[in-house]
Amino acid sequence: MQIDEFDEKILAILQEDASLSAAQIGERIGLSQSQCWRRIDRLDAEGVIERRVALVDRKKVGLNVMLFAHVKLAGHNRNALPEFSKAIQDFPEVLECHVLMGNVDFLLRIVTRDVDAYERFFFERLSQLPMVQEVNSMIALSQIKSTTVLPIGSAQPGAHSNASSGNS
């Protein structure tokens, strides 16, 4: 799929505020409402826009602890990776799971209400997976940066300029 400068600007704006209408976005970048809507619809249909969500402040809903866990599997047989990947999908505490190269197999980002809740999760669920050999957990003391905004092309979030052409 070809993504041009208008598409990049649309994506940058939507990453900052997906509640804006096509008319509001179009006005910011110099497109008509219908041109902007067609582009957004195409970006949705092509899967460039995966979904639109509300970002929730985890601490305001009582999820006060964020941890990162390095997970090493006991073996690398044919089934270990897919079994772990499938099992981890059922753990709502795990927000992200990344396969790594190196001396550990996975990096997990986990949130819980408190350290006791993580301890229960660790002992009753994560460490009970038969393929898990080792887990090293690190508690995040504070968060310096957190964003969901991807640095797409030349259109950086917050740098919304009006384009002079409105062709789609």
N, C-alpha and C. Protein backbone atom coordinates (compact mmCIF):
# COMPACT_ATOMS: atom_id res chain seq x y z
N MET A 1 0.84 -1.18 0.00
CA MET A 1 0.00 0.00 0.00
C MET A 1 0.88 1.24 0.00
N GLN A 2 0.54 2.18 -0.83
CA GLN A 2 1.27 3.44 -0.92
C GLN A 2 0.73 4.41 0.13
N ILE A 3 1.60 4.92 0.97
CA ILE A 3 1.21 5.91 1.98
C ILE A 3 1.90 7.22 1.63
N ASP A 4 1.09 8.24 1.38
CA ASP A 4 1.67 9.53 1.00
C ASP A 4 1.69 10.48 2.20
N GLU A 5 2.08 11.72 1.93
CA GLU A 5 2.23 12.71 2.99
C GLU A 5 0.90 12.99 3.71
N PHE A 6 -0.21 13.02 2.98
CA PHE A 6 -1.51 13.24 3.61
C PHE A 6 -1.85 12.07 4.54
N ASP A 7 -1.61 10.84 4.06
CA ASP A 7 -1.87 9.67 4.90
C ASP A 7 -1.03 9.73 6.18
N GLU A 8 0.24 10.10 6.04
CA GLU A 8 1.12 10.22 7.20
C GLU A 8 0.58 11.24 8.19
N LYS A 9 0.11 12.38 7.68
CA LYS A 9 -0.44 13.41 8.56
C LYS A 9 -1.72 12.92 9.24
N ILE A 10 -2.56 12.23 8.49
CA ILE A 10 -3.79 11.67 9.08
C ILE A 10 -3.43 10.70 10.20
N LEU A 11 -2.48 9.81 9.94
CA LEU A 11 -2.09 8.82 10.95
C LEU A 11 -1.49 9.49 12.18
N ALA A 12 -0.67 10.52 11.97
CA ALA A 12 -0.09 11.24 13.11
C ALA A 12 -1.18 11.86 13.97
N ILE A 13 -2.17 12.48 13.34
CA ILE A 13 -3.26 13.11 14.08
C ILE A 13 -4.09 12.06 14.80
N LEU A 14 -4.45 10.97 14.12
CA LEU A 14 -5.26 9.93 14.75
C LEU A 14 -4.55 9.28 15.94
N GLN A 15 -3.22 9.18 15.86
CA GLN A 15 -2.48 8.62 17.00
C GLN A 15 -2.55 9.52 18.22
N GLU A 16 -2.69 10.81 17.99
CA GLU A 16 -2.81 11.76 19.10
C GLU A 16 -4.23 11.84 19.63
N ASP A 17 -5.22 11.77 18.73
CA ASP A 17 -6.63 11.91 19.13
C ASP A 17 -7.53 11.26 18.09
N ALA A 18 -7.88 10.00 18.31
CA ALA A 18 -8.70 9.25 17.37
C ALA A 18 -10.17 9.64 17.43
N SER A 19 -10.53 10.53 18.34
CA SER A 19 -11.93 10.94 18.43
C SER A 19 -12.26 12.07 17.48
N LEU A 20 -11.26 12.64 16.82
CA LEU A 20 -11.51 13.73 15.88
C LEU A 20 -12.28 13.22 14.66
N SER A 21 -13.15 14.06 14.13
CA SER A 21 -13.92 13.70 12.94
C SER A 21 -13.06 13.87 11.69
N ALA A 22 -13.51 13.29 10.60
CA ALA A 22 -12.82 13.45 9.32
C ALA A 22 -12.78 14.92 8.92
N ALA A 23 -13.83 15.66 9.24
CA ALA A 23 -13.85 17.09 8.92
C ALA A 23 -12.78 17.84 9.70
N GLN A 24 -12.64 17.52 10.99
CA GLN A 24 -11.64 18.20 11.82
C GLN A 24 -10.22 17.87 11.35
N ILE A 25 -9.99 16.60 11.01
CA ILE A 25 -8.67 16.19 10.53
C ILE A 25 -8.39 16.83 9.18
N GLY A 26 -9.37 16.77 8.29
CA GLY A 26 -9.21 17.37 6.97
C GLY A 26 -8.89 18.85 7.04
N GLU A 27 -9.55 19.54 7.96
CA GLU A 27 -9.30 20.97 8.13
C GLU A 27 -7.85 21.23 8.55
N ARG A 28 -7.31 20.38 9.40
CA ARG A 28 -5.93 20.54 9.88
C ARG A 28 -4.89 20.32 8.78
N ILE A 29 -5.22 19.44 7.82
CA ILE A 29 -4.20 19.08 6.82
C ILE A 29 -4.52 19.58 5.41
N GLY A 30 -5.65 20.25 5.26
CA GLY A 30 -5.97 20.83 3.96
C GLY A 30 -6.70 19.89 3.02
N LEU A 31 -7.51 19.00 3.55
CA LEU A 31 -8.35 18.13 2.71
C LEU A 31 -9.81 18.37 3.06
N SER A 32 -10.68 18.07 2.10
CA SER A 32 -12.11 18.14 2.39
C SER A 32 -12.48 16.97 3.31
N GLN A 33 -13.66 17.09 3.92
CA GLN A 33 -14.13 16.02 4.79
C GLN A 33 -14.22 14.70 4.03
N SER A 34 -14.78 14.71 2.82
CA SER A 34 -14.96 13.47 2.08
C SER A 34 -13.62 12.87 1.65
N GLN A 35 -12.65 13.71 1.23
CA GLN A 35 -11.33 13.20 0.86
C GLN A 35 -10.65 12.56 2.09
N CYS A 36 -10.76 13.24 3.21
CA CYS A 36 -10.14 12.73 4.44
C CYS A 36 -10.81 11.42 4.87
N TRP A 37 -12.14 11.39 4.82
CA TRP A 37 -12.87 10.18 5.22
C TRP A 37 -12.48 9.00 4.34
N ARG A 38 -12.36 9.22 3.00
CA ARG A 38 -11.98 8.13 2.08
C ARG A 38 -10.59 7.60 2.44
N ARG A 39 -9.69 8.50 2.75
CA ARG A 39 -8.33 8.07 3.12
C ARG A 39 -8.34 7.27 4.43
N ILE A 40 -9.07 7.75 5.41
CA ILE A 40 -9.16 7.03 6.69
C ILE A 40 -9.79 5.66 6.47
N ASP A 41 -10.84 5.62 5.66
CA ASP A 41 -11.52 4.35 5.36
C ASP A 41 -10.55 3.37 4.68
N ARG A 42 -9.74 3.87 3.75
CA ARG A 42 -8.75 3.03 3.06
C ARG A 42 -7.68 2.54 4.04
N LEU A 43 -7.20 3.42 4.92
CA LEU A 43 -6.19 3.02 5.92
C LEU A 43 -6.75 1.96 6.86
N ASP A 44 -8.04 2.08 7.20
CA ASP A 44 -8.72 1.05 8.01
C ASP A 44 -8.80 -0.26 7.24
N ALA A 45 -9.29 -0.20 6.00
CA ALA A 45 -9.50 -1.40 5.19
C ALA A 45 -8.20 -2.14 4.90
N GLU A 46 -7.12 -1.40 4.72
CA GLU A 46 -5.81 -2.01 4.42
C GLU A 46 -5.10 -2.51 5.67
N GLY A 47 -5.68 -2.25 6.85
CA GLY A 47 -5.07 -2.73 8.09
C GLY A 47 -3.95 -1.85 8.62
N VAL A 48 -3.73 -0.68 8.01
CA VAL A 48 -2.74 0.25 8.54
C VAL A 48 -3.19 0.74 9.91
N ILE A 49 -4.47 1.06 10.02
CA ILE A 49 -5.08 1.37 11.31
C ILE A 49 -5.62 0.05 11.85
N GLU A 50 -4.98 -0.45 12.90
CA GLU A 50 -5.39 -1.74 13.46
C GLU A 50 -6.71 -1.64 14.21
N ARG A 51 -6.82 -0.63 15.06
CA ARG A 51 -8.04 -0.41 15.83
C ARG A 51 -7.92 0.95 16.51
N ARG A 52 -9.05 1.45 16.99
CA ARG A 52 -9.07 2.71 17.73
C ARG A 52 -9.50 2.39 19.15
N VAL A 53 -8.72 2.89 20.11
CA VAL A 53 -8.96 2.54 21.50
C VAL A 53 -8.89 3.77 22.40
N ALA A 54 -9.35 3.61 23.63
CA ALA A 54 -9.17 4.63 24.65
C ALA A 54 -7.97 4.19 25.50
N LEU A 55 -7.06 5.09 25.76
CA LEU A 55 -5.92 4.79 26.61
C LEU A 55 -6.30 5.12 28.05
N VAL A 56 -6.16 4.14 28.92
CA VAL A 56 -6.58 4.25 30.31
C VAL A 56 -5.36 4.44 31.20
N ASP A 57 -5.44 5.36 32.14
CA ASP A 57 -4.37 5.57 33.11
C ASP A 57 -4.39 4.40 34.09
N ARG A 58 -3.38 3.54 34.01
CA ARG A 58 -3.38 2.31 34.80
C ARG A 58 -3.46 2.56 36.30
N LYS A 59 -2.81 3.62 36.78
CA LYS A 59 -2.82 3.90 38.22
C LYS A 59 -4.19 4.35 38.70
N LYS A 60 -4.94 5.04 37.84
CA LYS A 60 -6.28 5.50 38.23
C LYS A 60 -7.28 4.36 38.31
N VAL A 61 -6.93 3.20 37.75
CA VAL A 61 -7.79 2.02 37.87
C VAL A 61 -7.17 0.98 38.79
N GLY A 62 -6.19 1.42 39.59
CA GLY A 62 -5.64 0.56 40.64
C GLY A 62 -4.54 -0.38 40.21
N LEU A 63 -3.99 -0.23 39.02
CA LEU A 63 -2.88 -1.09 38.58
C LEU A 63 -1.58 -0.31 38.82
N ASN A 64 -1.11 -0.37 40.07
CA ASN A 64 -0.04 0.50 40.54
C ASN A 64 1.37 -0.01 40.28
N VAL A 65 1.49 -1.29 39.93
CA VAL A 65 2.82 -1.87 39.74
C VAL A 65 2.99 -2.31 38.29
N MET A 66 4.10 -1.88 37.69
CA MET A 66 4.46 -2.35 36.36
C MET A 66 5.80 -3.05 36.47
N LEU A 67 5.87 -4.23 35.88
CA LEU A 67 7.09 -5.03 35.93
C LEU A 67 7.48 -5.46 34.54
N PHE A 68 8.75 -5.75 34.40
CA PHE A 68 9.26 -6.36 33.18
C PHE A 68 9.87 -7.69 33.59
N ALA A 69 9.57 -8.72 32.85
CA ALA A 69 10.08 -10.05 33.20
C ALA A 69 10.78 -10.66 31.99
N HIS A 70 11.99 -11.13 32.23
CA HIS A 70 12.71 -11.92 31.23
C HIS A 70 12.36 -13.37 31.50
N VAL A 71 11.90 -14.06 30.48
CA VAL A 71 11.51 -15.46 30.63
C VAL A 71 12.41 -16.32 29.75
N LYS A 72 12.97 -17.35 30.37
CA LYS A 72 13.79 -18.32 29.64
C LYS A 72 13.05 -19.65 29.68
N LEU A 73 12.91 -20.28 28.53
CA LEU A 73 12.22 -21.56 28.46
C LEU A 73 13.18 -22.70 28.76
N ALA A 74 12.62 -23.79 29.26
CA ALA A 74 13.42 -24.95 29.65
C ALA A 74 14.06 -25.61 28.43
N GLY A 75 13.37 -25.63 27.34
CA GLY A 75 13.91 -26.24 26.13
C GLY A 75 13.36 -25.52 24.91
N HIS A 76 13.99 -25.75 23.82
CA HIS A 76 13.53 -25.10 22.60
C HIS A 76 13.05 -26.14 21.60
N ASN A 77 12.29 -27.10 22.13
CA ASN A 77 11.71 -28.08 21.22
C ASN A 77 10.66 -27.40 20.36
N ARG A 78 10.17 -28.12 19.45
CA ARG A 78 9.23 -27.60 18.46
C ARG A 78 7.99 -26.97 19.08
N ASN A 79 7.55 -27.48 20.24
CA ASN A 79 6.30 -27.02 20.83
C ASN A 79 6.46 -25.95 21.91
N ALA A 80 7.66 -25.77 22.47
CA ALA A 80 7.83 -24.86 23.61
C ALA A 80 7.43 -23.43 23.30
N LEU A 81 7.93 -22.87 22.21
CA LEU A 81 7.62 -21.47 21.88
C LEU A 81 6.13 -21.27 21.60
N PRO A 82 5.52 -22.09 20.73
CA PRO A 82 4.09 -21.86 20.48
C PRO A 82 3.23 -22.13 21.72
N GLU A 83 3.60 -23.10 22.56
CA GLU A 83 2.82 -23.37 23.77
C GLU A 83 2.90 -22.20 24.73
N PHE A 84 4.10 -21.64 24.91
CA PHE A 84 4.23 -20.49 25.80
C PHE A 84 3.46 -19.31 25.21
N SER A 85 3.61 -19.07 23.92
CA SER A 85 2.91 -17.97 23.26
C SER A 85 1.40 -18.09 23.43
N LYS A 86 0.88 -19.29 23.32
CA LYS A 86 -0.56 -19.51 23.49
C LYS A 86 -0.97 -19.30 24.94
N ALA A 87 -0.19 -19.84 25.88
CA ALA A 87 -0.52 -19.73 27.30
C ALA A 87 -0.52 -18.27 27.76
N ILE A 88 0.41 -17.50 27.30
CA ILE A 88 0.56 -16.11 27.76
C ILE A 88 -0.62 -15.25 27.33
N GLN A 89 -1.31 -15.66 26.25
CA GLN A 89 -2.49 -14.92 25.77
C GLN A 89 -3.61 -14.90 26.82
N ASP A 90 -3.64 -15.89 27.70
CA ASP A 90 -4.69 -16.00 28.70
C ASP A 90 -4.39 -15.22 29.98
N PHE A 91 -3.28 -14.52 30.04
CA PHE A 91 -2.90 -13.78 31.24
C PHE A 91 -3.16 -12.28 31.01
N PRO A 92 -4.27 -11.74 31.52
CA PRO A 92 -4.57 -10.33 31.28
C PRO A 92 -3.54 -9.39 31.90
N GLU A 93 -2.79 -9.86 32.88
CA GLU A 93 -1.75 -9.03 33.51
C GLU A 93 -0.62 -8.73 32.53
N VAL A 94 -0.43 -9.60 31.55
CA VAL A 94 0.65 -9.43 30.57
C VAL A 94 0.13 -8.53 29.45
N LEU A 95 0.68 -7.31 29.39
CA LEU A 95 0.26 -6.36 28.37
C LEU A 95 1.02 -6.54 27.07
N GLU A 96 2.28 -6.94 27.18
CA GLU A 96 3.10 -7.15 26.00
C GLU A 96 3.97 -8.38 26.22
N CYS A 97 4.23 -9.08 25.12
CA CYS A 97 5.13 -10.23 25.13
C CYS A 97 5.93 -10.18 23.85
N HIS A 98 7.26 -10.12 24.00
CA HIS A 98 8.15 -10.01 22.85
C HIS A 98 9.11 -11.19 22.84
N VAL A 99 9.31 -11.79 21.68
CA VAL A 99 10.32 -12.84 21.51
C VAL A 99 11.66 -12.14 21.33
N LEU A 100 12.67 -12.60 22.06
CA LEU A 100 13.99 -11.98 22.02
C LEU A 100 15.03 -12.94 21.46
N MET A 101 16.09 -12.34 20.96
CA MET A 101 17.29 -13.12 20.62
C MET A 101 18.27 -12.88 21.76
N GLY A 102 19.00 -13.89 22.14
CA GLY A 102 19.97 -13.71 23.21
C GLY A 102 19.80 -14.76 24.29
N ASN A 103 20.17 -14.40 25.51
CA ASN A 103 20.17 -15.38 26.60
C ASN A 103 18.82 -15.57 27.27
N VAL A 104 17.80 -14.77 26.89
CA VAL A 104 16.43 -15.00 27.35
C VAL A 104 15.54 -15.09 26.12
N ASP A 105 14.39 -15.71 26.30
CA ASP A 105 13.51 -15.97 25.17
C ASP A 105 12.41 -14.93 24.98
N PHE A 106 11.90 -14.40 26.10
CA PHE A 106 10.78 -13.47 26.04
C PHE A 106 10.98 -12.31 26.99
N LEU A 107 10.41 -11.18 26.63
CA LEU A 107 10.32 -10.03 27.52
C LEU A 107 8.83 -9.74 27.69
N LEU A 108 8.38 -9.72 28.94
CA LEU A 108 6.98 -9.44 29.24
C LEU A 108 6.86 -8.10 29.94
N ARG A 109 5.81 -7.35 29.60
CA ARG A 109 5.45 -6.16 30.38
C ARG A 109 4.16 -6.53 31.10
N ILE A 110 4.20 -6.42 32.41
CA ILE A 110 3.13 -6.91 33.28
C ILE A 110 2.66 -5.79 34.19
N VAL A 111 1.36 -5.70 34.41
CA VAL A 111 0.82 -4.77 35.41
C VAL A 111 -0.03 -5.53 36.41
N THR A 112 0.08 -5.10 37.67
CA THR A 112 -0.73 -5.68 38.75
C THR A 112 -1.10 -4.58 39.73
N ARG A 113 -2.01 -4.90 40.62
CA ARG A 113 -2.45 -3.92 41.63
C ARG A 113 -1.31 -3.56 42.59
N ASP A 114 -0.56 -4.58 42.98
CA ASP A 114 0.53 -4.35 43.94
C ASP A 114 1.52 -5.50 43.83
N VAL A 115 2.56 -5.46 44.63
CA VAL A 115 3.60 -6.49 44.57
C VAL A 115 3.03 -7.84 45.00
N ASP A 116 2.13 -7.85 45.98
CA ASP A 116 1.52 -9.11 46.40
C ASP A 116 0.74 -9.76 45.26
N ALA A 117 0.05 -8.95 44.47
CA ALA A 117 -0.70 -9.49 43.33
C ALA A 117 0.26 -10.08 42.30
N TYR A 118 1.41 -9.42 42.09
CA TYR A 118 2.40 -9.99 41.17
C TYR A 118 2.95 -11.30 41.72
N GLU A 119 3.20 -11.33 43.01
CA GLU A 119 3.73 -12.56 43.62
C GLU A 119 2.76 -13.72 43.39
N ARG A 120 1.47 -13.48 43.58
CA ARG A 120 0.46 -14.52 43.33
C ARG A 120 0.47 -14.92 41.86
N PHE A 121 0.49 -13.93 40.96
CA PHE A 121 0.53 -14.22 39.53
C PHE A 121 1.75 -15.05 39.18
N PHE A 122 2.89 -14.67 39.72
CA PHE A 122 4.13 -15.38 39.43
C PHE A 122 4.07 -16.82 39.92
N PHE A 123 3.75 -17.02 41.20
CA PHE A 123 3.79 -18.37 41.77
C PHE A 123 2.64 -19.26 41.31
N GLU A 124 1.46 -18.69 41.09
CA GLU A 124 0.29 -19.50 40.76
C GLU A 124 0.06 -19.69 39.27
N ARG A 125 0.64 -18.80 38.44
CA ARG A 125 0.35 -18.90 37.02
C ARG A 125 1.60 -18.97 36.16
N LEU A 126 2.40 -17.90 36.15
CA LEU A 126 3.54 -17.82 35.24
C LEU A 126 4.56 -18.93 35.48
N SER A 127 4.98 -19.10 36.71
CA SER A 127 6.01 -20.11 37.00
C SER A 127 5.46 -21.54 36.91
N GLN A 128 4.15 -21.68 36.84
CA GLN A 128 3.54 -23.01 36.73
C GLN A 128 3.52 -23.53 35.29
N LEU A 129 3.81 -22.68 34.33
CA LEU A 129 3.86 -23.16 32.95
C LEU A 129 5.02 -24.14 32.82
N PRO A 130 4.78 -25.34 32.32
CA PRO A 130 5.80 -26.38 32.33
C PRO A 130 7.05 -26.07 31.50
N MET A 131 6.91 -25.22 30.51
CA MET A 131 8.07 -24.93 29.66
C MET A 131 8.96 -23.82 30.21
N VAL A 132 8.54 -23.15 31.28
CA VAL A 132 9.30 -22.03 31.85
C VAL A 132 10.40 -22.56 32.76
N GLN A 133 11.62 -22.17 32.44
CA GLN A 133 12.78 -22.56 33.25
C GLN A 133 13.13 -21.48 34.26
N GLU A 134 13.10 -20.22 33.81
CA GLU A 134 13.58 -19.13 34.66
C GLU A 134 12.84 -17.84 34.33
N VAL A 135 12.55 -17.07 35.38
CA VAL A 135 11.92 -15.75 35.22
C VAL A 135 12.70 -14.76 36.07
N ASN A 136 13.15 -13.70 35.45
CA ASN A 136 13.79 -12.60 36.18
C ASN A 136 12.91 -11.38 36.04
N SER A 137 12.39 -10.90 37.16
CA SER A 137 11.45 -9.79 37.16
C SER A 137 12.11 -8.52 37.68
N MET A 138 11.72 -7.41 37.08
CA MET A 138 12.21 -6.10 37.49
C MET A 138 11.02 -5.17 37.62
N ILE A 139 10.90 -4.52 38.78
CA ILE A 139 9.82 -3.57 39.00
C ILE A 139 10.24 -2.21 38.47
N ALA A 140 9.36 -1.60 37.71
CA ALA A 140 9.61 -0.23 37.23
C ALA A 140 9.26 0.73 38.36
N LEU A 141 10.24 1.51 38.78
CA LEU A 141 10.01 2.47 39.86
C LEU A 141 9.24 3.69 39.38
N SER A 142 9.57 4.19 38.21
CA SER A 142 8.85 5.31 37.63
C SER A 142 8.91 5.19 36.12
N GLN A 143 8.05 5.93 35.48
CA GLN A 143 7.96 5.89 34.03
C GLN A 143 8.38 7.24 33.47
N ILE A 144 9.42 7.25 32.66
CA ILE A 144 9.94 8.48 32.10
C ILE A 144 9.21 8.84 30.80
N LYS A 145 8.94 7.84 29.98
CA LYS A 145 8.24 8.08 28.72
C LYS A 145 7.36 6.88 28.42
N SER A 146 6.16 7.17 27.96
CA SER A 146 5.26 6.13 27.50
C SER A 146 4.43 6.73 26.37
N THR A 147 4.47 6.10 25.23
CA THR A 147 3.70 6.59 24.10
C THR A 147 3.25 5.43 23.24
N THR A 148 2.18 5.65 22.53
CA THR A 148 1.72 4.70 21.53
C THR A 148 1.90 5.30 20.14
N VAL A 149 2.45 6.51 20.08
CA VAL A 149 2.58 7.24 18.83
C VAL A 149 3.83 6.79 18.08
N LEU A 150 3.63 6.25 16.88
CA LEU A 150 4.75 5.85 16.03
C LEU A 150 5.26 7.05 15.25
N PRO A 151 6.58 7.18 15.07
CA PRO A 151 7.13 8.30 14.31
C PRO A 151 7.02 8.05 12.80
N ILE A 152 5.85 8.23 12.27
CA ILE A 152 5.56 7.90 10.88
C ILE A 152 6.07 8.97 9.93
N GLY A 153 6.92 8.56 9.00
CA GLY A 153 7.38 9.44 7.93
C GLY A 153 7.78 10.83 8.38
N SER A 154 7.37 11.80 7.61
CA SER A 154 7.74 13.18 7.90
C SER A 154 6.74 13.88 8.81
N ALA A 155 5.58 13.27 9.02
CA ALA A 155 4.55 13.90 9.84
C ALA A 155 4.73 13.51 11.29
N GLN A 156 5.37 14.35 12.05
CA GLN A 156 5.58 14.09 13.47
C GLN A 156 4.39 14.61 14.26
N PRO A 157 3.95 13.87 15.28
CA PRO A 157 2.82 14.32 16.10
C PRO A 157 3.10 15.70 16.68
N GLY A 158 2.08 16.52 16.67
CA GLY A 158 2.20 17.87 17.20
C GLY A 158 2.68 18.87 16.16
N ALA A 159 3.14 18.39 15.01
CA ALA A 159 3.64 19.28 13.97
C ALA A 159 2.68 19.23 12.78
N HIS A 160 1.44 19.62 13.04
CA HIS A 160 0.40 19.57 12.01
C HIS A 160 0.43 20.85 11.20
N SER A 161 0.86 20.74 9.95
CA SER A 161 0.87 21.91 9.08
C SER A 161 -0.23 21.76 8.05
N ASN A 162 -0.68 22.84 7.54
CA ASN A 162 -1.69 22.82 6.50
C ASN A 162 -1.04 22.57 5.16
N ALA A 163 -1.52 21.57 4.44
CA ALA A 163 -1.01 21.27 3.11
C ALA A 163 -1.72 22.17 2.11
N SER A 164 -1.03 22.51 1.04
CA SER A 164 -1.62 23.42 0.07
C SER A 164 -2.47 22.70 -0.95
N SER A 165 -2.28 21.41 -1.12
CA SER A 165 -3.04 20.67 -2.12
C SER A 165 -4.03 19.76 -1.44
N GLY A 166 -5.20 19.60 -1.98
CA GLY A 166 -6.22 18.76 -1.38
C GLY A 166 -6.59 17.58 -2.24
N ASN A 167 -5.71 17.08 -3.10
CA ASN A 167 -6.02 15.96 -3.98
C ASN A 167 -5.91 14.65 -3.24
N SER A 168 -6.81 13.72 -3.57
CA SER A 168 -6.71 12.39 -2.95
C SER A 168 -6.63 11.31 -3.97
